[in-house]
Amino acid sequence: MPPKRDIKQINAIAKEFKMEEPARKAFGEFLEAEKAAGYRGSKNERGDFTYQELRQKAREFFGIE
């Protein structure tokens, strides 16, 4: 079964930011922690992040302004 679209987007962001597997996993955990803390995305009712929001979250994850 191919990955769901949201996972594909996260993988694309990981590739764009040149994340190795440990960083990619940590980034996924970071996104889940953000959602749990109330920092949800605007993509849908589940609070998923848009592609642009994912790019911003990656910048936050790496401390890039």
PDB file of N, CA and C in Angstrom:
ATOM      1  N   MET A   1       0.841  -1.170   0.000  1.00  0.00           N
ATOM      2  CA  MET A   1       0.000   0.000   0.000  1.00  0.00           C
ATOM      3  C   MET A   1       0.894   1.243   0.000  1.00  0.00           C
ATOM      4  N   PRO A   2       0.660   2.165  -0.933  1.00  0.00           N
ATOM      5  CA  PRO A   2       1.484   3.377  -0.982  1.00  0.00           C
ATOM      6  C   PRO A   2       1.183   4.292   0.208  1.00  0.00           C
ATOM      7  N   PRO A   3       2.143   5.153   0.558  1.00  0.00           N
ATOM      8  CA  PRO A   3       1.918   6.057   1.691  1.00  0.00           C
ATOM      9  C   PRO A   3       0.767   7.022   1.409  1.00  0.00           C
ATOM     10  N   LYS A   4       0.095   7.439   2.481  1.00  0.00           N
ATOM     11  CA  LYS A   4      -0.978   8.414   2.335  1.00  0.00           C
ATOM     12  C   LYS A   4      -0.387   9.751   1.898  1.00  0.00           C
ATOM     13  N   ARG A   5      -1.266  10.599   1.364  1.00  0.00           N
ATOM     14  CA  ARG A   5      -0.813  11.876   0.814  1.00  0.00           C
ATOM     15  C   ARG A   5      -0.086  12.733   1.855  1.00  0.00           C
ATOM     16  N   ASP A   6      -0.586  12.762   3.101  1.00  0.00           N
ATOM     17  CA  ASP A   6       0.075  13.594   4.113  1.00  0.00           C
ATOM     18  C   ASP A   6       1.482  13.096   4.415  1.00  0.00           C
ATOM     19  N   ILE A   7       1.653  11.768   4.403  1.00  0.00           N
ATOM     20  CA  ILE A   7       2.989  11.191   4.618  1.00  0.00           C
ATOM     21  C   ILE A   7       3.893  11.519   3.434  1.00  0.00           C
ATOM     22  N   LYS A   8       3.343  11.485   2.234  1.00  0.00           N
ATOM     23  CA  LYS A   8       4.124  11.848   1.051  1.00  0.00           C
ATOM     24  C   LYS A   8       4.620  13.286   1.157  1.00  0.00           C
ATOM     25  N   GLN A   9       3.755  14.176   1.647  1.00  0.00           N
ATOM     26  CA  GLN A   9       4.163  15.571   1.787  1.00  0.00           C
ATOM     27  C   GLN A   9       5.262  15.718   2.839  1.00  0.00           C
ATOM     28  N   ILE A  10       5.121  15.014   3.945  1.00  0.00           N
ATOM     29  CA  ILE A  10       6.158  15.075   4.979  1.00  0.00           C
ATOM     30  C   ILE A  10       7.470  14.525   4.434  1.00  0.00           C
ATOM     31  N   ASN A  11       7.407  13.441   3.677  1.00  0.00           N
ATOM     32  CA  ASN A  11       8.619  12.882   3.071  1.00  0.00           C
ATOM     33  C   ASN A  11       9.243  13.859   2.075  1.00  0.00           C
ATOM     34  N   ALA A  12       8.404  14.578   1.330  1.00  0.00           N
ATOM     35  CA  ALA A  12       8.924  15.567   0.374  1.00  0.00           C
ATOM     36  C   ALA A  12       9.625  16.705   1.113  1.00  0.00           C
ATOM     37  N   ILE A  13       9.050  17.144   2.214  1.00  0.00           N
ATOM     38  CA  ILE A  13       9.687  18.188   3.034  1.00  0.00           C
ATOM     39  C   ILE A  13      11.015  17.665   3.588  1.00  0.00           C
ATOM     40  N   ALA A  14      11.013  16.411   4.057  1.00  0.00           N
ATOM     41  CA  ALA A  14      12.240  15.810   4.593  1.00  0.00           C
ATOM     42  C   ALA A  14      13.329  15.787   3.519  1.00  0.00           C
ATOM     43  N   LYS A  15      12.943  15.461   2.309  1.00  0.00           N
ATOM     44  CA  LYS A  15      13.917  15.439   1.206  1.00  0.00           C
ATOM     45  C   LYS A  15      14.418  16.853   0.907  1.00  0.00           C
ATOM     46  N   GLU A  16      13.494  17.803   0.866  1.00  0.00           N
ATOM     47  CA  GLU A  16      13.864  19.199   0.591  1.00  0.00           C
ATOM     48  C   GLU A  16      14.854  19.726   1.628  1.00  0.00           C
ATOM     49  N   PHE A  17      14.653  19.352   2.892  1.00  0.00           N
ATOM     50  CA  PHE A  17      15.523  19.816   3.970  1.00  0.00           C
ATOM     51  C   PHE A  17      16.668  18.836   4.251  1.00  0.00           C
ATOM     52  N   LYS A  18      16.841  17.859   3.369  1.00  0.00           N
ATOM     53  CA  LYS A  18      17.946  16.901   3.427  1.00  0.00           C
ATOM     54  C   LYS A  18      18.034  16.185   4.776  1.00  0.00           C
ATOM     55  N   MET A  19      16.871  15.708   5.247  1.00  0.00           N
ATOM     56  CA  MET A  19      16.812  14.988   6.515  1.00  0.00           C
ATOM     57  C   MET A  19      17.184  13.527   6.305  1.00  0.00           C
ATOM     58  N   GLU A  20      18.091  13.034   7.120  1.00  0.00           N
ATOM     59  CA  GLU A  20      18.380  11.605   7.177  1.00  0.00           C
ATOM     60  C   GLU A  20      17.254  10.945   7.968  1.00  0.00           C
ATOM     61  N   GLU A  21      17.201   9.624   7.998  1.00  0.00           N
ATOM     62  CA  GLU A  21      16.112   8.906   8.646  1.00  0.00           C
ATOM     63  C   GLU A  21      15.894   9.291  10.114  1.00  0.00           C
ATOM     64  N   PRO A  22      16.933   9.408  10.945  1.00  0.00           N
ATOM     65  CA  PRO A  22      16.666   9.800  12.344  1.00  0.00           C
ATOM     66  C   PRO A  22      16.004  11.182  12.455  1.00  0.00           C
ATOM     67  N   ALA A  23      16.449  12.122  11.635  1.00  0.00           N
ATOM     68  CA  ALA A  23      15.857  13.466  11.653  1.00  0.00           C
ATOM     69  C   ALA A  23      14.427  13.427  11.130  1.00  0.00           C
ATOM     70  N   ARG A  24      14.183  12.606  10.108  1.00  0.00           N
ATOM     71  CA  ARG A  24      12.827  12.488   9.552  1.00  0.00           C
ATOM     72  C   ARG A  24      11.880  11.946  10.616  1.00  0.00           C
ATOM     73  N   LYS A  25      12.307  10.956  11.358  1.00  0.00           N
ATOM     74  CA  LYS A  25      11.473  10.384  12.412  1.00  0.00           C
ATOM     75  C   LYS A  25      11.228  11.423  13.504  1.00  0.00           C
ATOM     76  N   ALA A  26      12.272  12.134  13.902  1.00  0.00           N
ATOM     77  CA  ALA A  26      12.145  13.170  14.926  1.00  0.00           C
ATOM     78  C   ALA A  26      11.225  14.296  14.450  1.00  0.00           C
ATOM     79  N   PHE A  27      11.283  14.616  13.168  1.00  0.00           N
ATOM     80  CA  PHE A  27      10.417  15.649  12.608  1.00  0.00           C
ATOM     81  C   PHE A  27       8.950  15.209  12.694  1.00  0.00           C
ATOM     82  N   GLY A  28       8.673  13.955  12.382  1.00  0.00           N
ATOM     83  CA  GLY A  28       7.315  13.429  12.509  1.00  0.00           C
ATOM     84  C   GLY A  28       6.818  13.506  13.940  1.00  0.00           C
ATOM     85  N   GLU A  29       7.678  13.167  14.884  1.00  0.00           N
ATOM     86  CA  GLU A  29       7.322  13.256  16.304  1.00  0.00           C
ATOM     87  C   GLU A  29       7.103  14.712  16.714  1.00  0.00           C
ATOM     88  N   PHE A  30       7.916  15.619  16.173  1.00  0.00           N
ATOM     89  CA  PHE A  30       7.755  17.049  16.419  1.00  0.00           C
ATOM     90  C   PHE A  30       6.396  17.522  15.939  1.00  0.00           C
ATOM     91  N   LEU A  31       5.989  17.090  14.751  1.00  0.00           N
ATOM     92  CA  LEU A  31       4.685  17.489  14.208  1.00  0.00           C
ATOM     93  C   LEU A  31       3.549  16.987  15.087  1.00  0.00           C
ATOM     94  N   GLU A  32       3.649  15.753  15.547  1.00  0.00           N
ATOM     95  CA  GLU A  32       2.610  15.200  16.423  1.00  0.00           C
ATOM     96  C   GLU A  32       2.556  15.958  17.750  1.00  0.00           C
ATOM     97  N   ALA A  33       3.721  16.331  18.279  1.00  0.00           N
ATOM     98  CA  ALA A  33       3.770  17.100  19.523  1.00  0.00           C
ATOM     99  C   ALA A  33       3.165  18.488  19.329  1.00  0.00           C
ATOM    100  N   GLU A  34       3.417  19.088  18.184  1.00  0.00           N
ATOM    101  CA  GLU A  34       2.838  20.393  17.879  1.00  0.00           C
ATOM    102  C   GLU A  34       1.312  20.311  17.869  1.00  0.00           C
ATOM    103  N   LYS A  35       0.784  19.295  17.205  1.00  0.00           N
ATOM    104  CA  LYS A  35      -0.669  19.110  17.167  1.00  0.00           C
ATOM    105  C   LYS A  35      -1.222  18.900  18.575  1.00  0.00           C
ATOM    106  N   ALA A  36      -0.555  18.074  19.361  1.00  0.00           N
ATOM    107  CA  ALA A  36      -1.009  17.774  20.721  1.00  0.00           C
ATOM    108  C   ALA A  36      -0.996  19.023  21.602  1.00  0.00           C
ATOM    109  N   ALA A  37      -0.063  19.942  21.316  1.00  0.00           N
ATOM    110  CA  ALA A  37       0.045  21.175  22.089  1.00  0.00           C
ATOM    111  C   ALA A  37      -0.937  22.244  21.608  1.00  0.00           C
ATOM    112  N   GLY A  38      -1.715  21.911  20.572  1.00  0.00           N
ATOM    113  CA  GLY A  38      -2.712  22.849  20.072  1.00  0.00           C
ATOM    114  C   GLY A  38      -2.292  23.650  18.864  1.00  0.00           C
ATOM    115  N   TYR A  39      -1.073  23.431  18.375  1.00  0.00           N
ATOM    116  CA  TYR A  39      -0.588  24.124  17.184  1.00  0.00           C
ATOM    117  C   TYR A  39      -0.936  23.295  15.962  1.00  0.00           C
ATOM    118  N   ARG A  40      -2.200  23.369  15.575  1.00  0.00           N
ATOM    119  CA  ARG A  40      -2.720  22.519  14.507  1.00  0.00           C
ATOM    120  C   ARG A  40      -2.660  23.243  13.172  1.00  0.00           C
ATOM    121  N   GLY A  41      -2.632  22.460  12.106  1.00  0.00           N
ATOM    122  CA  GLY A  41      -2.629  23.011  10.768  1.00  0.00           C
ATOM    123  C   GLY A  41      -4.026  23.386  10.316  1.00  0.00           C
ATOM    124  N   SER A  42      -4.106  24.032   9.170  1.00  0.00           N
ATOM    125  CA  SER A  42      -5.382  24.524   8.652  1.00  0.00           C
ATOM    126  C   SER A  42      -5.924  23.698   7.492  1.00  0.00           C
ATOM    127  N   LYS A  43      -5.288  22.561   7.200  1.00  0.00           N
ATOM    128  CA  LYS A  43      -5.665  21.778   6.022  1.00  0.00           C
ATOM    129  C   LYS A  43      -7.048  21.141   6.142  1.00  0.00           C
ATOM    130  N   ASN A  44      -7.397  20.627   7.325  1.00  0.00           N
ATOM    131  CA  ASN A  44      -8.679  19.948   7.506  1.00  0.00           C
ATOM    132  C   ASN A  44      -9.072  19.951   8.977  1.00  0.00           C
ATOM    133  N   GLU A  45     -10.186  19.282   9.269  1.00  0.00           N
ATOM    134  CA  GLU A  45     -10.692  19.258  10.652  1.00  0.00           C
ATOM    135  C   GLU A  45      -9.780  18.492  11.606  1.00  0.00           C
ATOM    136  N   ARG A  46      -8.922  17.615  11.095  1.00  0.00           N
ATOM    137  CA  ARG A  46      -7.980  16.881  11.951  1.00  0.00           C
ATOM    138  C   ARG A  46      -6.791  17.730  12.359  1.00  0.00           C
ATOM    139  N   GLY A  47      -6.646  18.879  11.728  1.00  0.00           N
ATOM    140  CA  GLY A  47      -5.525  19.753  12.062  1.00  0.00           C
ATOM    141  C   GLY A  47      -4.256  19.435  11.297  1.00  0.00           C
ATOM    142  N   ASP A  48      -4.394  18.721  10.183  1.00  0.00           N
ATOM    143  CA  ASP A  48      -3.217  18.436   9.358  1.00  0.00           C
ATOM    144  C   ASP A  48      -2.658  19.743   8.800  1.00  0.00           C
ATOM    145  N   PHE A  49      -1.379  19.723   8.506  1.00  0.00           N
ATOM    146  CA  PHE A  49      -0.699  20.901   8.006  1.00  0.00           C
ATOM    147  C   PHE A  49      -0.707  20.937   6.483  1.00  0.00           C
ATOM    148  N   THR A  50      -0.827  22.148   5.910  1.00  0.00           N
ATOM    149  CA  THR A  50      -0.668  22.327   4.475  1.00  0.00           C
ATOM    150  C   THR A  50       0.816  22.171   4.140  1.00  0.00           C
ATOM    151  N   TYR A  51       1.128  22.087   2.858  1.00  0.00           N
ATOM    152  CA  TYR A  51       2.526  21.950   2.452  1.00  0.00           C
ATOM    153  C   TYR A  51       3.344  23.149   2.939  1.00  0.00           C
ATOM    154  N   GLN A  52       2.789  24.359   2.784  1.00  0.00           N
ATOM    155  CA  GLN A  52       3.501  25.556   3.235  1.00  0.00           C
ATOM    156  C   GLN A  52       3.679  25.554   4.752  1.00  0.00           C
ATOM    157  N   GLU A  53       2.665  25.084   5.480  1.00  0.00           N
ATOM    158  CA  GLU A  53       2.794  24.983   6.931  1.00  0.00           C
ATOM    159  C   GLU A  53       3.860  23.961   7.317  1.00  0.00           C
ATOM    160  N   LEU A  54       3.943  22.866   6.581  1.00  0.00           N
ATOM    161  CA  LEU A  54       4.982  21.862   6.840  1.00  0.00           C
ATOM    162  C   LEU A  54       6.373  22.447   6.619  1.00  0.00           C
ATOM    163  N   ARG A  55       6.505  23.248   5.564  1.00  0.00           N
ATOM    164  CA  ARG A  55       7.797  23.894   5.304  1.00  0.00           C
ATOM    165  C   ARG A  55       8.164  24.816   6.468  1.00  0.00           C
ATOM    166  N   GLN A  56       7.184  25.553   6.976  1.00  0.00           N
ATOM    167  CA  GLN A  56       7.444  26.438   8.115  1.00  0.00           C
ATOM    168  C   GLN A  56       7.797  25.624   9.359  1.00  0.00           C
ATOM    169  N   LYS A  57       7.096  24.513   9.580  1.00  0.00           N
ATOM    170  CA  LYS A  57       7.385  23.656  10.735  1.00  0.00           C
ATOM    171  C   LYS A  57       8.796  23.072  10.627  1.00  0.00           C
ATOM    172  N   ALA A  58       9.229  22.743   9.423  1.00  0.00           N
ATOM    173  CA  ALA A  58      10.592  22.229   9.233  1.00  0.00           C
ATOM    174  C   ALA A  58      11.608  23.308   9.602  1.00  0.00           C
ATOM    175  N   ARG A  59      11.314  24.547   9.222  1.00  0.00           N
ATOM    176  CA  ARG A  59      12.210  25.650   9.577  1.00  0.00           C
ATOM    177  C   ARG A  59      12.268  25.811  11.098  1.00  0.00           C
ATOM    178  N   GLU A  60      11.110  25.709  11.757  1.00  0.00           N
ATOM    179  CA  GLU A  60      11.076  25.779  13.225  1.00  0.00           C
ATOM    180  C   GLU A  60      11.861  24.615  13.837  1.00  0.00           C
ATOM    181  N   PHE A  61      11.677  23.417  13.287  1.00  0.00           N
ATOM    182  CA  PHE A  61      12.347  22.220  13.769  1.00  0.00           C
ATOM    183  C   PHE A  61      13.862  22.386  13.739  1.00  0.00           C
ATOM    184  N   PHE A  62      14.372  22.999  12.672  1.00  0.00           N
ATOM    185  CA  PHE A  62      15.816  23.197  12.533  1.00  0.00           C
ATOM    186  C   PHE A  62      16.298  24.533  13.088  1.00  0.00           C
ATOM    187  N   GLY A  63      15.381  25.362  13.588  1.00  0.00           N
ATOM    188  CA  GLY A  63      15.777  26.653  14.135  1.00  0.00           C
ATOM    189  C   GLY A  63      16.169  27.667  13.084  1.00  0.00           C
ATOM    190  N   ILE A  64      15.597  27.552  11.901  1.00  0.00           N
ATOM    191  CA  ILE A  64      15.876  28.474  10.791  1.00  0.00           C
ATOM    192  C   ILE A  64      14.795  29.554  10.795  1.00  0.00           C
ATOM    193  N   GLU A  65      15.189  30.799  10.681  1.00  0.00           N
ATOM    194  CA  GLU A  65      14.205  31.890  10.653  1.00  0.00           C
ATOM    195  C   GLU A  65      13.697  32.157   9.290  1.00  0.00           C
TER     196      GLU A  65
END
